[in-house]
């Protein structure tokens, strides 16, 4: 079985909030002490819209971070998904 891909983000050392994409300053508290963390690659679709035959979704990763990416158009809110290593597009597929 292939290990699922995961996303790298940052965690603020001051307020312990995690974010994606990685930034040099915490958007929550303004702290500059951030460390790279593995955010995992699985989560649940919280919102989805369709553009033609493609879907775009907000996915709440199991680590708690909200990210946006392409999905198959048939996925619905509440579906479990995993991050798939993309060429240039962040894509999630059903689990």
PDB file of N, CA and C in Angstrom:
ATOM      1  N   UNK A   1       0.847  -1.190   0.000  1.00  0.00           N
ATOM      2  CA  UNK A   1       0.000   0.000   0.000  1.00  0.00           C
ATOM      3  C   UNK A   1       0.885   1.244   0.000  1.00  0.00           C
ATOM      4  N   UNK A   2       0.534   2.230  -0.804  1.00  0.00           N
ATOM      5  CA  UNK A   2       1.292   3.466  -0.906  1.00  0.00           C
ATOM      6  C   UNK A   2       0.900   4.397   0.229  1.00  0.00           C
ATOM      7  N   UNK A   3       1.893   4.996   0.877  1.00  0.00           N
ATOM      8  CA  UNK A   3       1.615   5.974   1.940  1.00  0.00           C
ATOM      9  C   UNK A   3       0.952   7.199   1.326  1.00  0.00           C
ATOM     10  N   UNK A   4      -0.074   7.741   1.975  1.00  0.00           N
ATOM     11  CA  UNK A   4      -0.698   8.949   1.432  1.00  0.00           C
ATOM     12  C   UNK A   4       0.268  10.127   1.505  1.00  0.00           C
ATOM     13  N   UNK A   5       0.150  11.016   0.528  1.00  0.00           N
ATOM     14  CA  UNK A   5       0.964  12.230   0.536  1.00  0.00           C
ATOM     15  C   UNK A   5       0.501  13.120   1.678  1.00  0.00           C
ATOM     16  N   UNK A   6       1.381  13.982   2.156  1.00  0.00           N
ATOM     17  CA  UNK A   6       0.985  14.908   3.209  1.00  0.00           C
ATOM     18  C   UNK A   6       1.446  16.312   2.857  1.00  0.00           C
ATOM     19  N   UNK A   7       0.839  17.276   3.510  1.00  0.00           N
ATOM     20  CA  UNK A   7       1.132  18.686   3.270  1.00  0.00           C
ATOM     21  C   UNK A   7       2.011  19.223   4.385  1.00  0.00           C
ATOM     22  N   UNK A   8       2.986  20.048   4.021  1.00  0.00           N
ATOM     23  CA  UNK A   8       3.828  20.708   5.011  1.00  0.00           C
ATOM     24  C   UNK A   8       3.277  22.100   5.261  1.00  0.00           C
ATOM     25  N   UNK A   9       3.123  22.439   6.517  1.00  0.00           N
ATOM     26  CA  UNK A   9       2.663  23.763   6.911  1.00  0.00           C
ATOM     27  C   UNK A   9       3.569  24.287   7.997  1.00  0.00           C
ATOM     28  N   UNK A  10       3.096  25.250   8.751  1.00  0.00           N
ATOM     29  CA  UNK A  10       3.874  25.792   9.868  1.00  0.00           C
ATOM     30  C   UNK A  10       3.011  25.852  11.118  1.00  0.00           C
ATOM     31  N   UNK A  11       3.675  25.790  12.255  1.00  0.00           N
ATOM     32  CA  UNK A  11       3.019  25.956  13.557  1.00  0.00           C
ATOM     33  C   UNK A  11       3.728  27.094  14.272  1.00  0.00           C
ATOM     34  N   UNK A  12       2.935  27.993  14.833  1.00  0.00           N
ATOM     35  CA  UNK A  12       3.468  29.120  15.593  1.00  0.00           C
ATOM     36  C   UNK A  12       3.923  28.621  16.961  1.00  0.00           C
ATOM     37  N   UNK A  13       5.130  28.988  17.357  1.00  0.00           N
ATOM     38  CA  UNK A  13       5.633  28.584  18.667  1.00  0.00           C
ATOM     39  C   UNK A  13       4.968  29.371  19.796  1.00  0.00           C
ATOM     40  N   UNK A  14       4.429  30.552  19.473  1.00  0.00           N
ATOM     41  CA  UNK A  14       3.801  31.385  20.507  1.00  0.00           C
ATOM     42  C   UNK A  14       2.367  30.938  20.806  1.00  0.00           C
ATOM     43  N   UNK A  15       1.516  30.848  19.775  1.00  0.00           N
ATOM     44  CA  UNK A  15       0.101  30.530  20.013  1.00  0.00           C
ATOM     45  C   UNK A  15      -0.274  29.099  19.605  1.00  0.00           C
ATOM     46  N   UNK A  16       0.639  28.369  19.025  1.00  0.00           N
ATOM     47  CA  UNK A  16       0.503  26.962  18.640  1.00  0.00           C
ATOM     48  C   UNK A  16      -0.507  26.740  17.506  1.00  0.00           C
ATOM     49  N   UNK A  17      -0.904  27.784  16.791  1.00  0.00           N
ATOM     50  CA  UNK A  17      -1.797  27.638  15.645  1.00  0.00           C
ATOM     51  C   UNK A  17      -1.004  27.088  14.467  1.00  0.00           C
ATOM     52  N   UNK A  18      -1.657  26.240  13.648  1.00  0.00           N
ATOM     53  CA  UNK A  18      -1.025  25.689  12.447  1.00  0.00           C
ATOM     54  C   UNK A  18      -1.673  26.295  11.215  1.00  0.00           C
ATOM     55  N   UNK A  19      -0.873  26.461  10.149  1.00  0.00           N
ATOM     56  CA  UNK A  19      -1.345  27.118   8.932  1.00  0.00           C
ATOM     57  C   UNK A  19      -0.781  26.474   7.689  1.00  0.00           C
ATOM     58  N   UNK A  20      -1.504  26.624   6.592  1.00  0.00           N
ATOM     59  CA  UNK A  20      -1.057  26.248   5.259  1.00  0.00           C
ATOM     60  C   UNK A  20      -1.576  27.313   4.320  1.00  0.00           C
ATOM     61  N   UNK A  21      -0.758  27.790   3.401  1.00  0.00           N
ATOM     62  CA  UNK A  21       0.619  27.398   3.145  1.00  0.00           C
ATOM     63  C   UNK A  21       1.566  27.969   4.201  1.00  0.00           C
ATOM     64  N   UNK A  22       2.785  27.475   4.153  1.00  0.00           N
ATOM     65  CA  UNK A  22       3.800  27.924   5.111  1.00  0.00           C
ATOM     66  C   UNK A  22       4.047  29.422   4.952  1.00  0.00           C
ATOM     67  N   UNK A  23       4.084  30.123   6.071  1.00  0.00           N
ATOM     68  CA  UNK A  23       4.340  31.561   6.096  1.00  0.00           C
ATOM     69  C   UNK A  23       5.403  31.840   7.149  1.00  0.00           C
ATOM     70  N   UNK A  24       6.045  32.976   7.064  1.00  0.00           N
ATOM     71  CA  UNK A  24       7.115  33.317   8.001  1.00  0.00           C
ATOM     72  C   UNK A  24       6.636  33.999   9.271  1.00  0.00           C
ATOM     73  N   UNK A  25       5.386  34.455   9.283  1.00  0.00           N
ATOM     74  CA  UNK A  25       4.813  35.139  10.450  1.00  0.00           C
ATOM     75  C   UNK A  25       3.415  34.593  10.683  1.00  0.00           C
ATOM     76  N   UNK A  26       3.083  34.351  11.929  1.00  0.00           N
ATOM     77  CA  UNK A  26       1.782  33.785  12.276  1.00  0.00           C
ATOM     78  C   UNK A  26       0.667  34.779  11.952  1.00  0.00           C
ATOM     79  N   UNK A  27      -0.313  34.381  11.124  1.00  0.00           N
ATOM     80  CA  UNK A  27      -1.420  35.278  10.814  1.00  0.00           C
ATOM     81  C   UNK A  27      -2.358  35.502  11.996  1.00  0.00           C
ATOM     82  N   UNK A  28      -2.311  34.632  13.001  1.00  0.00           N
ATOM     83  CA  UNK A  28      -3.193  34.767  14.154  1.00  0.00           C
ATOM     84  C   UNK A  28      -2.633  35.748  15.176  1.00  0.00           C
ATOM     85  N   UNK A  29      -1.365  35.551  15.601  1.00  0.00           N
ATOM     86  CA  UNK A  29      -0.826  36.384  16.687  1.00  0.00           C
ATOM     87  C   UNK A  29       0.332  37.279  16.250  1.00  0.00           C
ATOM     88  N   UNK A  30       0.809  37.113  15.010  1.00  0.00           N
ATOM     89  CA  UNK A  30       1.907  37.939  14.520  1.00  0.00           C
ATOM     90  C   UNK A  30       3.283  37.440  14.913  1.00  0.00           C
ATOM     91  N   UNK A  31       3.362  36.319  15.634  1.00  0.00           N
ATOM     92  CA  UNK A  31       4.649  35.776  16.059  1.00  0.00           C
ATOM     93  C   UNK A  31       5.519  35.372  14.879  1.00  0.00           C
ATOM     94  N   UNK A  32       6.816  35.536  15.023  1.00  0.00           N
ATOM     95  CA  UNK A  32       7.749  35.179  13.951  1.00  0.00           C
ATOM     96  C   UNK A  32       8.412  33.828  14.188  1.00  0.00           C
ATOM     97  N   UNK A  33       8.203  33.239  15.341  1.00  0.00           N
ATOM     98  CA  UNK A  33       8.780  31.934  15.631  1.00  0.00           C
ATOM     99  C   UNK A  33       7.874  30.833  15.137  1.00  0.00           C
ATOM    100  N   UNK A  34       8.078  30.390  13.890  1.00  0.00           N
ATOM    101  CA  UNK A  34       7.268  29.316  13.332  1.00  0.00           C
ATOM    102  C   UNK A  34       8.162  28.133  12.988  1.00  0.00           C
ATOM    103  N   UNK A  35       7.582  26.940  13.050  1.00  0.00           N
ATOM    104  CA  UNK A  35       8.322  25.731  12.705  1.00  0.00           C
ATOM    105  C   UNK A  35       7.524  24.941  11.680  1.00  0.00           C
ATOM    106  N   UNK A  36       8.231  24.266  10.778  1.00  0.00           N
ATOM    107  CA  UNK A  36       7.583  23.447   9.770  1.00  0.00           C
ATOM    108  C   UNK A  36       7.001  22.198  10.426  1.00  0.00           C
ATOM    109  N   UNK A  37       5.766  21.861  10.056  1.00  0.00           N
ATOM    110  CA  UNK A  37       5.095  20.674  10.596  1.00  0.00           C
ATOM    111  C   UNK A  37       4.410  19.908   9.466  1.00  0.00           C
ATOM    112  N   UNK A  38       4.221  18.628   9.689  1.00  0.00           N
ATOM    113  CA  UNK A  38       3.483  17.776   8.772  1.00  0.00           C
ATOM    114  C   UNK A  38       2.004  17.877   9.141  1.00  0.00           C
ATOM    115  N   UNK A  39       1.185  18.354   8.217  1.00  0.00           N
ATOM    116  CA  UNK A  39      -0.240  18.533   8.475  1.00  0.00           C
ATOM    117  C   UNK A  39      -1.057  17.299   8.117  1.00  0.00           C
ATOM    118  N   UNK A  40      -0.407  16.272   7.612  1.00  0.00           N
ATOM    119  CA  UNK A  40      -1.125  15.092   7.167  1.00  0.00           C
ATOM    120  C   UNK A  40      -1.725  15.325   5.797  1.00  0.00           C
ATOM    121  N   UNK A  41      -2.499  14.375   5.330  1.00  0.00           N
ATOM    122  CA  UNK A  41      -3.060  14.508   3.994  1.00  0.00           C
ATOM    123  C   UNK A  41      -4.485  14.014   3.867  1.00  0.00           C
ATOM    124  N   UNK A  42      -5.129  13.692   4.999  1.00  0.00           N
ATOM    125  CA  UNK A  42      -6.509  13.227   4.941  1.00  0.00           C
ATOM    126  C   UNK A  42      -7.419  14.177   5.700  1.00  0.00           C
ATOM    127  N   UNK A  43      -8.673  14.248   5.255  1.00  0.00           N
ATOM    128  CA  UNK A  43      -9.616  15.121   5.917  1.00  0.00           C
ATOM    129  C   UNK A  43     -11.019  14.923   5.393  1.00  0.00           C
ATOM    130  N   UNK A  44     -11.874  15.921   5.657  1.00  0.00           N
ATOM    131  CA  UNK A  44     -13.293  15.858   5.307  1.00  0.00           C
ATOM    132  C   UNK A  44     -13.655  17.108   4.496  1.00  0.00           C
ATOM    133  N   UNK A  45     -14.428  16.902   3.449  1.00  0.00           N
ATOM    134  CA  UNK A  45     -14.907  18.019   2.625  1.00  0.00           C
ATOM    135  C   UNK A  45     -15.909  18.825   3.447  1.00  0.00           C
ATOM    136  N   UNK A  46     -15.649  20.139   3.601  1.00  0.00           N
ATOM    137  CA  UNK A  46     -16.570  21.026   4.325  1.00  0.00           C
ATOM    138  C   UNK A  46     -17.418  21.871   3.400  1.00  0.00           C
ATOM    139  N   UNK A  47     -16.908  22.150   2.215  1.00  0.00           N
ATOM    140  CA  UNK A  47     -17.667  22.916   1.217  1.00  0.00           C
ATOM    141  C   UNK A  47     -17.165  22.492  -0.152  1.00  0.00           C
ATOM    142  N   UNK A  48     -18.065  22.472  -1.126  1.00  0.00           N
ATOM    143  CA  UNK A  48     -17.671  22.072  -2.478  1.00  0.00           C
ATOM    144  C   UNK A  48     -18.513  22.832  -3.485  1.00  0.00           C
ATOM    145  N   UNK A  49     -17.897  23.172  -4.597  1.00  0.00           N
ATOM    146  CA  UNK A  49     -18.615  23.787  -5.706  1.00  0.00           C
ATOM    147  C   UNK A  49     -18.105  23.148  -6.985  1.00  0.00           C
ATOM    148  N   UNK A  50     -18.891  23.258  -8.004  1.00  0.00           N
ATOM    149  CA  UNK A  50     -18.519  22.664  -9.282  1.00  0.00           C
ATOM    150  C   UNK A  50     -18.338  23.763 -10.328  1.00  0.00           C
ATOM    151  N   UNK A  51     -17.283  23.584 -11.115  1.00  0.00           N
ATOM    152  CA  UNK A  51     -17.018  24.482 -12.234  1.00  0.00           C
ATOM    153  C   UNK A  51     -16.894  23.580 -13.453  1.00  0.00           C
ATOM    154  N   UNK A  52     -17.955  23.495 -14.229  1.00  0.00           N
ATOM    155  CA  UNK A  52     -17.985  22.540 -15.339  1.00  0.00           C
ATOM    156  C   UNK A  52     -17.953  21.127 -14.784  1.00  0.00           C
ATOM    157  N   UNK A  53     -17.017  20.326 -15.252  1.00  0.00           N
ATOM    158  CA  UNK A  53     -16.891  18.937 -14.790  1.00  0.00           C
ATOM    159  C   UNK A  53     -15.957  18.803 -13.598  1.00  0.00           C
ATOM    160  N   UNK A  54     -15.359  19.893 -13.149  1.00  0.00           N
ATOM    161  CA  UNK A  54     -14.394  19.856 -12.040  1.00  0.00           C
ATOM    162  C   UNK A  54     -15.040  20.350 -10.752  1.00  0.00           C
ATOM    163  N   UNK A  55     -14.535  19.873  -9.631  1.00  0.00           N
ATOM    164  CA  UNK A  55     -14.985  20.346  -8.333  1.00  0.00           C
ATOM    165  C   UNK A  55     -13.854  21.047  -7.604  1.00  0.00           C
ATOM    166  N   UNK A  56     -14.205  22.006  -6.776  1.00  0.00           N
ATOM    167  CA  UNK A  56     -13.253  22.694  -5.902  1.00  0.00           C
ATOM    168  C   UNK A  56     -13.832  22.611  -4.498  1.00  0.00           C
ATOM    169  N   UNK A  57     -12.992  22.224  -3.518  1.00  0.00           N
ATOM    170  CA  UNK A  57     -13.515  22.012  -2.170  1.00  0.00           C
ATOM    171  C   UNK A  57     -12.629  22.627  -1.106  1.00  0.00           C
ATOM    172  N   UNK A  58     -13.258  22.987   0.007  1.00  0.00           N
ATOM    173  CA  UNK A  58     -12.534  23.291   1.234  1.00  0.00           C
ATOM    174  C   UNK A  58     -12.491  21.986   2.012  1.00  0.00           C
ATOM    175  N   UNK A  59     -11.284  21.590   2.406  1.00  0.00           N
ATOM    176  CA  UNK A  59     -11.087  20.331   3.116  1.00  0.00           C
ATOM    177  C   UNK A  59     -10.498  20.638   4.487  1.00  0.00           C
ATOM    178  N   UNK A  60     -11.155  20.148   5.532  1.00  0.00           N
ATOM    179  CA  UNK A  60     -10.626  20.276   6.888  1.00  0.00           C
ATOM    180  C   UNK A  60      -9.772  19.039   7.131  1.00  0.00           C
ATOM    181  N   UNK A  61      -8.440  19.254   7.150  1.00  0.00           N
ATOM    182  CA  UNK A  61      -7.529  18.138   7.401  1.00  0.00           C
ATOM    183  C   UNK A  61      -7.735  17.608   8.808  1.00  0.00           C
ATOM    184  N   UNK A  62      -7.362  16.368   9.033  1.00  0.00           N
ATOM    185  CA  UNK A  62      -7.483  15.778  10.365  1.00  0.00           C
ATOM    186  C   UNK A  62      -6.665  16.557  11.395  1.00  0.00           C
ATOM    187  N   UNK A  63      -5.663  17.291  10.935  1.00  0.00           N
ATOM    188  CA  UNK A  63      -4.850  18.128  11.827  1.00  0.00           C
ATOM    189  C   UNK A  63      -5.563  19.422  12.211  1.00  0.00           C
ATOM    190  N   UNK A  64      -6.738  19.686  11.599  1.00  0.00           N
ATOM    191  CA  UNK A  64      -7.527  20.862  11.933  1.00  0.00           C
ATOM    192  C   UNK A  64      -7.375  22.024  10.976  1.00  0.00           C
ATOM    193  N   UNK A  65      -6.422  21.969  10.066  1.00  0.00           N
ATOM    194  CA  UNK A  65      -6.167  23.074   9.142  1.00  0.00           C
ATOM    195  C   UNK A  65      -7.113  22.977   7.947  1.00  0.00           C
ATOM    196  N   UNK A  66      -7.669  24.113   7.527  1.00  0.00           N
ATOM    197  CA  UNK A  66      -8.567  24.184   6.379  1.00  0.00           C
ATOM    198  C   UNK A  66      -7.765  24.540   5.134  1.00  0.00           C
ATOM    199  N   UNK A  67      -7.872  23.713   4.085  1.00  0.00           N
ATOM    200  CA  UNK A  67      -7.184  23.968   2.826  1.00  0.00           C
ATOM    201  C   UNK A  67      -8.185  23.871   1.692  1.00  0.00           C
ATOM    202  N   UNK A  68      -7.805  24.348   0.535  1.00  0.00           N
ATOM    203  CA  UNK A  68      -8.675  24.321  -0.627  1.00  0.00           C
ATOM    204  C   UNK A  68      -7.963  23.571  -1.741  1.00  0.00           C
ATOM    205  N   UNK A  69      -8.714  22.779  -2.499  1.00  0.00           N
ATOM    206  CA  UNK A  69      -8.099  22.046  -3.594  1.00  0.00           C
ATOM    207  C   UNK A  69      -9.124  21.496  -4.555  1.00  0.00           C
ATOM    208  N   UNK A  70      -8.644  20.954  -5.645  1.00  0.00           N
ATOM    209  CA  UNK A  70      -9.494  20.339  -6.654  1.00  0.00           C
ATOM    210  C   UNK A  70      -9.969  18.977  -6.158  1.00  0.00           C
ATOM    211  N   UNK A  71     -11.188  18.619  -6.519  1.00  0.00           N
ATOM    212  CA  UNK A  71     -11.761  17.319  -6.170  1.00  0.00           C
ATOM    213  C   UNK A  71     -12.556  16.807  -7.364  1.00  0.00           C
ATOM    214  N   UNK A  72     -12.851  15.518  -7.340  1.00  0.00           N
ATOM    215  CA  UNK A  72     -13.759  14.971  -8.339  1.00  0.00           C
ATOM    216  C   UNK A  72     -15.135  15.593  -8.125  1.00  0.00           C
ATOM    217  N   UNK A  73     -15.819  15.911  -9.195  1.00  0.00           N
ATOM    218  CA  UNK A  73     -17.084  16.651  -9.111  1.00  0.00           C
ATOM    219  C   UNK A  73     -18.170  15.919  -8.333  1.00  0.00           C
ATOM    220  N   UNK A  74     -18.084  14.598  -8.224  1.00  0.00           N
ATOM    221  CA  UNK A  74     -19.153  13.867  -7.528  1.00  0.00           C
ATOM    222  C   UNK A  74     -18.992  13.845  -6.011  1.00  0.00           C
ATOM    223  N   UNK A  75     -17.870  14.313  -5.470  1.00  0.00           N
ATOM    224  CA  UNK A  75     -17.690  14.328  -4.017  1.00  0.00           C
ATOM    225  C   UNK A  75     -18.638  15.343  -3.384  1.00  0.00           C
ATOM    226  N   UNK A  76     -19.108  15.022  -2.181  1.00  0.00           N
ATOM    227  CA  UNK A  76     -20.091  15.859  -1.491  1.00  0.00           C
ATOM    228  C   UNK A  76     -19.560  16.274  -0.122  1.00  0.00           C
ATOM    229  N   UNK A  77     -20.210  17.244   0.488  1.00  0.00           N
ATOM    230  CA  UNK A  77     -19.859  17.673   1.841  1.00  0.00           C
ATOM    231  C   UNK A  77     -19.926  16.465   2.770  1.00  0.00           C
ATOM    232  N   UNK A  78     -18.903  16.319   3.596  1.00  0.00           N
ATOM    233  CA  UNK A  78     -18.826  15.203   4.533  1.00  0.00           C
ATOM    234  C   UNK A  78     -17.995  14.033   4.033  1.00  0.00           C
ATOM    235  N   UNK A  79     -17.628  14.038   2.744  1.00  0.00           N
ATOM    236  CA  UNK A  79     -16.840  12.937   2.184  1.00  0.00           C
ATOM    237  C   UNK A  79     -15.421  12.953   2.750  1.00  0.00           C
ATOM    238  N   UNK A  80     -14.895  11.777   3.069  1.00  0.00           N
ATOM    239  CA  UNK A  80     -13.496  11.643   3.477  1.00  0.00           C
ATOM    240  C   UNK A  80     -12.640  11.659   2.223  1.00  0.00           C
ATOM    241  N   UNK A  81     -11.557  12.433   2.268  1.00  0.00           N
ATOM    242  CA  UNK A  81     -10.654  12.542   1.126  1.00  0.00           C
ATOM    243  C   UNK A  81      -9.209  12.483   1.596  1.00  0.00           C
ATOM    244  N   UNK A  82      -8.323  12.233   0.643  1.00  0.00           N
ATOM    245  CA  UNK A  82      -6.886  12.261   0.925  1.00  0.00           C
ATOM    246  C   UNK A  82      -6.195  13.075  -0.151  1.00  0.00           C
ATOM    247  N   UNK A  83      -5.121  13.718   0.245  1.00  0.00           N
ATOM    248  CA  UNK A  83      -4.316  14.530  -0.664  1.00  0.00           C
ATOM    249  C   UNK A  83      -3.571  13.611  -1.600  1.00  0.00           C
ATOM    250  N   UNK A  84      -3.555  13.967  -2.870  1.00  0.00           N
ATOM    251  CA  UNK A  84      -2.827  13.205  -3.870  1.00  0.00           C
ATOM    252  C   UNK A  84      -1.753  14.117  -4.433  1.00  0.00           C
ATOM    253  N   UNK A  85      -0.528  13.640  -4.465  1.00  0.00           N
ATOM    254  CA  UNK A  85       0.573  14.460  -4.959  1.00  0.00           C
ATOM    255  C   UNK A  85       0.265  14.912  -6.379  1.00  0.00           C
ATOM    256  N   UNK A  86       0.215  16.220  -6.596  1.00  0.00           N
ATOM    257  CA  UNK A  86      -0.174  16.759  -7.898  1.00  0.00           C
ATOM    258  C   UNK A  86       1.030  17.116  -8.765  1.00  0.00           C
ATOM    259  N   UNK A  87       0.733  17.402 -10.014  1.00  0.00           N
ATOM    260  CA  UNK A  87       1.757  17.994 -10.871  1.00  0.00           C
ATOM    261  C   UNK A  87       1.882  19.463 -10.488  1.00  0.00           C
ATOM    262  N   UNK A  88       0.813  20.200 -10.638  1.00  0.00           N
ATOM    263  CA  UNK A  88       0.807  21.609 -10.267  1.00  0.00           C
ATOM    264  C   UNK A  88      -0.436  22.002  -9.481  1.00  0.00           C
ATOM    265  N   UNK A  89      -1.402  21.103  -9.341  1.00  0.00           N
ATOM    266  CA  UNK A  89      -2.678  21.410  -8.711  1.00  0.00           C
ATOM    267  C   UNK A  89      -2.834  20.586  -7.441  1.00  0.00           C
ATOM    268  N   UNK A  90      -3.249  21.224  -6.354  1.00  0.00           N
ATOM    269  CA  UNK A  90      -3.552  20.487  -5.127  1.00  0.00           C
ATOM    270  C   UNK A  90      -4.842  19.716  -5.386  1.00  0.00           C
ATOM    271  N   UNK A  91      -4.804  18.392  -5.285  1.00  0.00           N
ATOM    272  CA  UNK A  91      -5.970  17.563  -5.583  1.00  0.00           C
ATOM    273  C   UNK A  91      -6.227  16.590  -4.458  1.00  0.00           C
ATOM    274  N   UNK A  92      -7.501  16.421  -4.131  1.00  0.00           N
ATOM    275  CA  UNK A  92      -7.938  15.445  -3.136  1.00  0.00           C
ATOM    276  C   UNK A  92      -8.810  14.411  -3.842  1.00  0.00           C
ATOM    277  N   UNK A  93      -8.708  13.159  -3.406  1.00  0.00           N
ATOM    278  CA  UNK A  93      -9.527  12.090  -3.963  1.00  0.00           C
ATOM    279  C   UNK A  93     -10.258  11.385  -2.827  1.00  0.00           C
ATOM    280  N   UNK A  94     -11.390  10.756  -3.150  1.00  0.00           N
ATOM    281  CA  UNK A  94     -12.172  10.056  -2.144  1.00  0.00           C
ATOM    282  C   UNK A  94     -11.385   8.924  -1.522  1.00  0.00           C
ATOM    283  N   UNK A  95     -11.666   8.674  -0.250  1.00  0.00           N
ATOM    284  CA  UNK A  95     -10.987   7.604   0.487  1.00  0.00           C
ATOM    285  C   UNK A  95     -11.819   6.341   0.406  1.00  0.00           C
TER     286      UNK A  95
END
